[in-house]
């Protein structure tokens, strides 16, 4: 029988060793154990699970982006079946990871989320992984629809039940705005969402929880970086929807919670 505590410790060790595919297996077992006990993951467990999957899928996203860019820049070299085959293999690996996360979320994590923070955390995660699927699938309307629905559900809860400076709420606003910019090709909506989150939080930052203030400040800087890029892009493109893409920033790992 799988021991939840042992798998959690293994997950911590594998993070240090940067063995993320193995870390995924350990933290998946932890999530399934918690579900069988009808309890939700601890904050440490859910952060470890998030880090494991984010790094595993991040490797494939980086590979896919690099291969896609190379193919785009080398169209004049004719048909390159071997490189396209590698790209397809990366896409399969990425989709497999995303589907596994989404299955875990729906069956083992979201049903046991007892607080606003955990609900928003998991719904944001759901939006993220549907977005990653949409990145490689092109115009897959189902993935786009599911991503937006998950982000919106998380956003609604965060606005009602979380402070404007909560790092999880800010991370959600950051990634939801990236979804609008990159996947929906709606730069105006992306800027509006990011600006409102930034403006609302900056007013309350000094009086925010000192234990999470550092994380909040970091995400606010990422929001500001994206707003700067997107505003410059809009000026160049004359407010056209979905002009030339810039390298926007998203939240790559969950903030540490005390």
Protein backbone atom coordinates (compact mmCIF):
# COMPACT_ATOMS: atom_id res chain seq x y z
CA UNK A 1 0.00 0.00 0.00
CA UNK A 2 1.29 3.48 -0.89
CA UNK A 3 2.26 5.58 2.13
CA UNK A 4 1.28 9.24 1.70
CA UNK A 5 3.97 10.62 4.01
CA UNK A 6 6.74 8.57 2.39
CA UNK A 7 5.69 9.62 -1.12
CA UNK A 8 5.61 13.25 0.00
CA UNK A 9 9.17 13.03 1.35
CA UNK A 10 10.22 11.32 -1.88
CA UNK A 11 8.67 14.19 -3.82
CA UNK A 12 10.74 16.70 -1.83
CA UNK A 13 13.94 14.77 -2.52
CA UNK A 14 13.17 14.44 -6.22
CA UNK A 15 12.58 18.19 -6.47
CA UNK A 16 16.07 18.82 -5.06
CA UNK A 17 17.46 16.24 -7.50
CA UNK A 18 15.50 17.89 -10.36
CA UNK A 19 13.99 14.53 -11.31
CA UNK A 20 10.64 16.02 -12.25
CA UNK A 21 9.14 13.09 -14.17
CA UNK A 22 9.80 10.88 -11.14
CA UNK A 23 8.54 13.63 -8.84
CA UNK A 24 5.28 13.63 -10.81
CA UNK A 25 4.76 9.93 -10.03
CA UNK A 26 5.35 10.46 -6.31
CA UNK A 27 3.03 13.47 -6.02
CA UNK A 28 0.34 11.80 -8.14
CA UNK A 29 0.37 8.97 -5.58
CA UNK A 30 0.05 11.54 -2.77
CA UNK A 31 -3.00 13.11 -4.43
CA UNK A 32 -4.64 9.72 -4.92
CA UNK A 33 -3.94 8.79 -1.28
CA UNK A 34 -5.49 12.03 -0.04
CA UNK A 35 -8.55 11.42 -2.20
CA UNK A 36 -8.97 7.87 -0.86
CA UNK A 37 -8.85 9.33 2.65
CA UNK A 38 -11.43 11.95 1.57
CA UNK A 39 -9.10 14.78 2.61
CA UNK A 40 -7.53 17.57 0.64
CA UNK A 41 -3.81 18.01 0.08
CA UNK A 42 -1.84 20.07 2.57
CA UNK A 43 -0.42 23.36 1.29
CA UNK A 44 3.05 21.79 1.07
CA UNK A 45 1.69 18.78 -0.83
CA UNK A 46 -0.24 20.81 -3.37
CA UNK A 47 2.75 23.11 -3.96
CA UNK A 48 5.02 20.10 -4.51
CA UNK A 49 2.50 18.59 -6.93
CA UNK A 50 2.25 21.89 -8.79
CA UNK A 51 6.03 22.23 -9.05
CA UNK A 52 6.39 18.63 -10.28
CA UNK A 53 3.88 18.92 -13.11
CA UNK A 54 4.86 22.49 -14.01
CA UNK A 55 8.49 21.49 -14.54
CA UNK A 56 7.60 18.27 -16.38
CA UNK A 57 5.27 20.08 -18.78
CA UNK A 58 7.59 23.10 -18.92
CA UNK A 59 10.36 21.02 -20.48
CA UNK A 60 7.99 19.90 -23.24
CA UNK A 61 6.60 23.40 -23.79
CA UNK A 62 10.13 24.77 -24.20
CA UNK A 63 11.05 21.96 -26.60
CA UNK A 64 7.88 22.45 -28.63
CA UNK A 65 8.43 26.20 -28.86
CA UNK A 66 12.06 25.77 -29.95
CA UNK A 67 11.22 23.19 -32.62
CA UNK A 68 8.25 25.22 -33.91
CA UNK A 69 10.39 28.36 -34.17
CA UNK A 70 13.15 26.47 -35.99
CA UNK A 71 10.70 24.99 -38.50
CA UNK A 72 9.17 28.42 -39.08
CA UNK A 73 12.58 29.99 -39.69
CA UNK A 74 13.77 27.17 -41.99
CA UNK A 75 10.85 26.73 -44.36
CA UNK A 76 13.21 27.08 -47.31
CA UNK A 77 14.97 23.82 -46.39
CA UNK A 78 12.12 21.70 -47.70
CA UNK A 79 10.24 18.89 -46.02
CA UNK A 80 11.87 17.76 -42.76
CA UNK A 81 9.94 14.64 -41.67
CA UNK A 82 12.35 13.62 -38.89
CA UNK A 83 12.12 17.00 -37.16
CA UNK A 84 8.35 17.04 -37.55
CA UNK A 85 8.25 13.56 -36.01
CA UNK A 86 10.17 14.81 -32.96
CA UNK A 87 7.71 17.69 -32.68
CA UNK A 88 4.78 15.27 -32.76
CA UNK A 89 6.40 13.13 -30.04
CA UNK A 90 6.83 16.20 -27.83
CA UNK A 91 3.18 17.12 -28.42
CA UNK A 92 2.08 13.62 -27.38
CA UNK A 93 4.16 13.78 -24.19
CA UNK A 94 2.82 17.23 -23.36
CA UNK A 95 -0.78 16.20 -23.95
CA UNK A 96 -0.34 13.08 -21.83
CA UNK A 97 0.94 15.15 -18.89
CA UNK A 98 -1.86 17.70 -19.26
CA UNK A 99 -4.57 15.03 -19.44
CA UNK A 100 -3.13 13.34 -16.34
CA UNK A 101 -3.20 16.61 -14.37
CA UNK A 102 -6.72 17.43 -15.49
CA UNK A 103 -7.93 13.97 -14.50
CA UNK A 104 -6.29 14.33 -11.06
CA UNK A 105 -7.87 17.75 -10.57
CA UNK A 106 -11.38 16.63 -11.50
CA UNK A 107 -11.35 13.31 -9.62
CA UNK A 108 -9.02 13.77 -6.67
CA UNK A 109 -8.42 17.44 -5.87
CA UNK A 110 -11.24 19.84 -6.75
CA UNK A 111 -13.96 17.69 -5.07
CA UNK A 112 -12.10 17.93 -1.73
CA UNK A 113 -11.12 21.62 -1.90
CA UNK A 114 -12.47 23.07 1.34
CA UNK A 115 -11.21 26.66 1.24
CA UNK A 116 -11.42 29.52 -1.25
CA UNK A 117 -7.64 29.43 -1.69
CA UNK A 118 -7.53 25.74 -2.56
CA UNK A 119 -10.51 26.07 -4.92
CA UNK A 120 -8.88 28.96 -6.76
CA UNK A 121 -5.51 27.18 -6.78
CA UNK A 122 -6.94 24.07 -8.43
CA UNK A 123 -9.27 25.87 -10.84
CA UNK A 124 -6.38 28.10 -11.95
CA UNK A 125 -4.30 24.97 -12.45
CA UNK A 126 -7.11 23.50 -14.56
CA UNK A 127 -7.16 26.63 -16.70
CA UNK A 128 -3.38 26.50 -17.09
CA UNK A 129 -3.25 22.90 -18.31
CA UNK A 130 -6.10 23.33 -20.79
CA UNK A 131 -4.19 26.39 -22.02
CA UNK A 132 -1.03 24.33 -22.50
CA UNK A 133 -3.05 21.83 -24.53
CA UNK A 134 -4.46 24.67 -26.62
CA UNK A 135 -0.94 26.00 -27.29
CA UNK A 136 0.03 22.88 -29.22
CA UNK A 137 -3.40 22.05 -30.63
CA UNK A 138 -3.81 25.37 -32.40
CA UNK A 139 -7.47 26.33 -32.64
CA UNK A 140 -8.90 23.45 -30.57
CA UNK A 141 -12.09 25.19 -29.47
CA UNK A 142 -12.86 22.66 -26.74
CA UNK A 143 -9.54 23.20 -24.93
CA UNK A 144 -9.90 26.98 -25.25
CA UNK A 145 -13.47 26.87 -23.94
CA UNK A 146 -12.50 24.64 -21.00
CA UNK A 147 -9.51 26.80 -20.12
CA UNK A 148 -11.56 29.99 -20.09
CA UNK A 149 -14.34 28.37 -18.04
CA UNK A 150 -11.88 27.16 -15.39
CA UNK A 151 -10.11 30.52 -15.19
CA UNK A 152 -13.44 32.36 -14.96
CA UNK A 153 -14.72 30.06 -12.19
CA UNK A 154 -11.49 30.66 -10.24
CA UNK A 155 -11.69 34.40 -10.91
CA UNK A 156 -15.25 34.62 -9.59
CA UNK A 157 -14.30 32.87 -6.33
CA UNK A 158 -11.14 34.97 -5.92
CA UNK A 159 -13.01 38.26 -6.29
CA UNK A 160 -15.63 37.27 -3.72
CA UNK A 161 -13.48 35.54 -1.12
CA UNK A 162 -9.82 36.58 -1.40
CA UNK A 163 -7.93 39.80 -0.76
CA UNK A 164 -6.68 41.81 -3.74
CA UNK A 165 -3.07 41.13 -2.70
CA UNK A 166 -3.40 37.37 -2.19
CA UNK A 167 -0.58 35.79 -4.27
CA UNK A 168 -2.87 33.03 -5.58
CA UNK A 169 -5.43 35.60 -6.75
CA UNK A 170 -2.68 37.67 -8.39
CA UNK A 171 -1.14 34.58 -10.04
CA UNK A 172 -4.56 33.75 -11.44
CA UNK A 173 -4.97 37.26 -12.88
CA UNK A 174 -1.49 37.01 -14.41
CA UNK A 175 -2.11 33.69 -16.17
CA UNK A 176 -5.72 34.49 -17.12
CA UNK A 177 -4.52 37.67 -18.83
CA UNK A 178 -1.84 35.66 -20.69
CA UNK A 179 -4.63 33.32 -21.85
CA UNK A 180 -6.54 36.29 -23.29
CA UNK A 181 -3.46 37.68 -24.99
CA UNK A 182 -1.90 34.52 -26.36
CA UNK A 183 -4.73 32.01 -26.84
CA UNK A 184 -7.79 34.19 -27.44
CA UNK A 185 -5.78 36.87 -29.31
CA UNK A 186 -7.63 39.52 -27.30
CA UNK A 187 -4.96 42.02 -26.19
CA UNK A 188 -7.50 44.59 -25.00
CA UNK A 189 -9.10 42.14 -22.56
CA UNK A 190 -5.65 40.96 -21.44
CA UNK A 191 -4.52 44.49 -20.63
CA UNK A 192 -7.76 45.38 -18.85
CA UNK A 193 -7.68 42.28 -16.65
CA UNK A 194 -3.99 42.69 -15.78
CA UNK A 195 -4.32 46.43 -15.12
CA UNK A 196 -7.32 46.04 -12.82
CA UNK A 197 -5.57 43.32 -10.80
CA UNK A 198 -2.44 45.46 -10.56
CA UNK A 199 -4.27 48.67 -9.63
CA UNK A 200 -6.50 46.97 -7.04
CA UNK A 201 -3.57 45.24 -5.34
CA UNK A 202 -1.06 48.09 -5.33
CA UNK A 203 -3.43 50.20 -3.20
CA UNK A 204 -3.62 47.50 -0.53
CA UNK A 205 -0.03 46.23 -0.69
CA UNK A 206 1.40 48.12 2.30
CA UNK A 207 -1.34 46.84 4.60
CA UNK A 208 -1.24 43.28 3.23
CA UNK A 209 -0.16 40.14 5.08
CA UNK A 210 3.62 40.56 5.67
CA UNK A 211 4.14 36.79 5.27
CA UNK A 212 2.94 36.84 1.65
CA UNK A 213 3.94 40.40 0.72
CA UNK A 214 7.14 39.28 -1.01
CA UNK A 215 5.23 36.85 -3.26
CA UNK A 216 2.59 39.49 -4.00
CA UNK A 217 5.25 42.04 -4.95
CA UNK A 218 6.94 39.55 -7.30
CA UNK A 219 3.70 38.78 -9.17
CA UNK A 220 2.80 42.48 -9.34
CA UNK A 221 6.13 43.05 -11.10
CA UNK A 222 5.28 40.29 -13.61
CA UNK A 223 1.90 41.92 -14.26
CA UNK A 224 3.64 45.25 -14.77
CA UNK A 225 6.17 43.68 -17.17
CA UNK A 226 3.37 42.23 -19.30
CA UNK A 227 1.41 45.48 -19.29
CA UNK A 228 4.50 47.34 -20.50
CA UNK A 229 5.03 44.85 -23.34
CA UNK A 230 1.38 44.70 -24.32
CA UNK A 231 0.94 48.47 -24.28
CA UNK A 232 3.98 48.94 -26.52
CA UNK A 233 2.68 46.21 -28.82
CA UNK A 234 -0.73 47.91 -29.04
CA UNK A 235 0.87 51.22 -29.99
CA UNK A 236 2.86 49.53 -32.76
CA UNK A 237 -0.12 47.57 -34.07
CA UNK A 238 -2.72 50.31 -33.78
CA UNK A 239 -4.85 48.34 -31.28
CA UNK A 240 -5.34 45.45 -33.72
CA UNK A 241 -6.51 42.19 -32.20
CA UNK A 242 -3.65 39.73 -31.95
CA UNK A 243 -0.73 41.63 -33.43
CA UNK A 244 2.81 40.29 -33.43
CA UNK A 245 3.31 38.17 -30.34
CA UNK A 246 5.66 39.32 -27.60
CA UNK A 247 7.27 37.07 -25.02
CA UNK A 248 4.86 37.63 -22.16
CA UNK A 249 5.51 36.39 -18.65
CA UNK A 250 3.32 33.91 -16.80
CA UNK A 251 3.53 32.55 -13.30
CA UNK A 252 5.83 29.56 -13.65
CA UNK A 253 5.54 28.23 -10.12
CA UNK A 254 3.11 28.66 -7.29
CA UNK A 255 4.05 31.17 -4.59
CA UNK A 256 5.17 29.85 -1.25
CA UNK A 257 2.46 30.05 1.35
CA UNK A 258 3.03 30.37 5.06
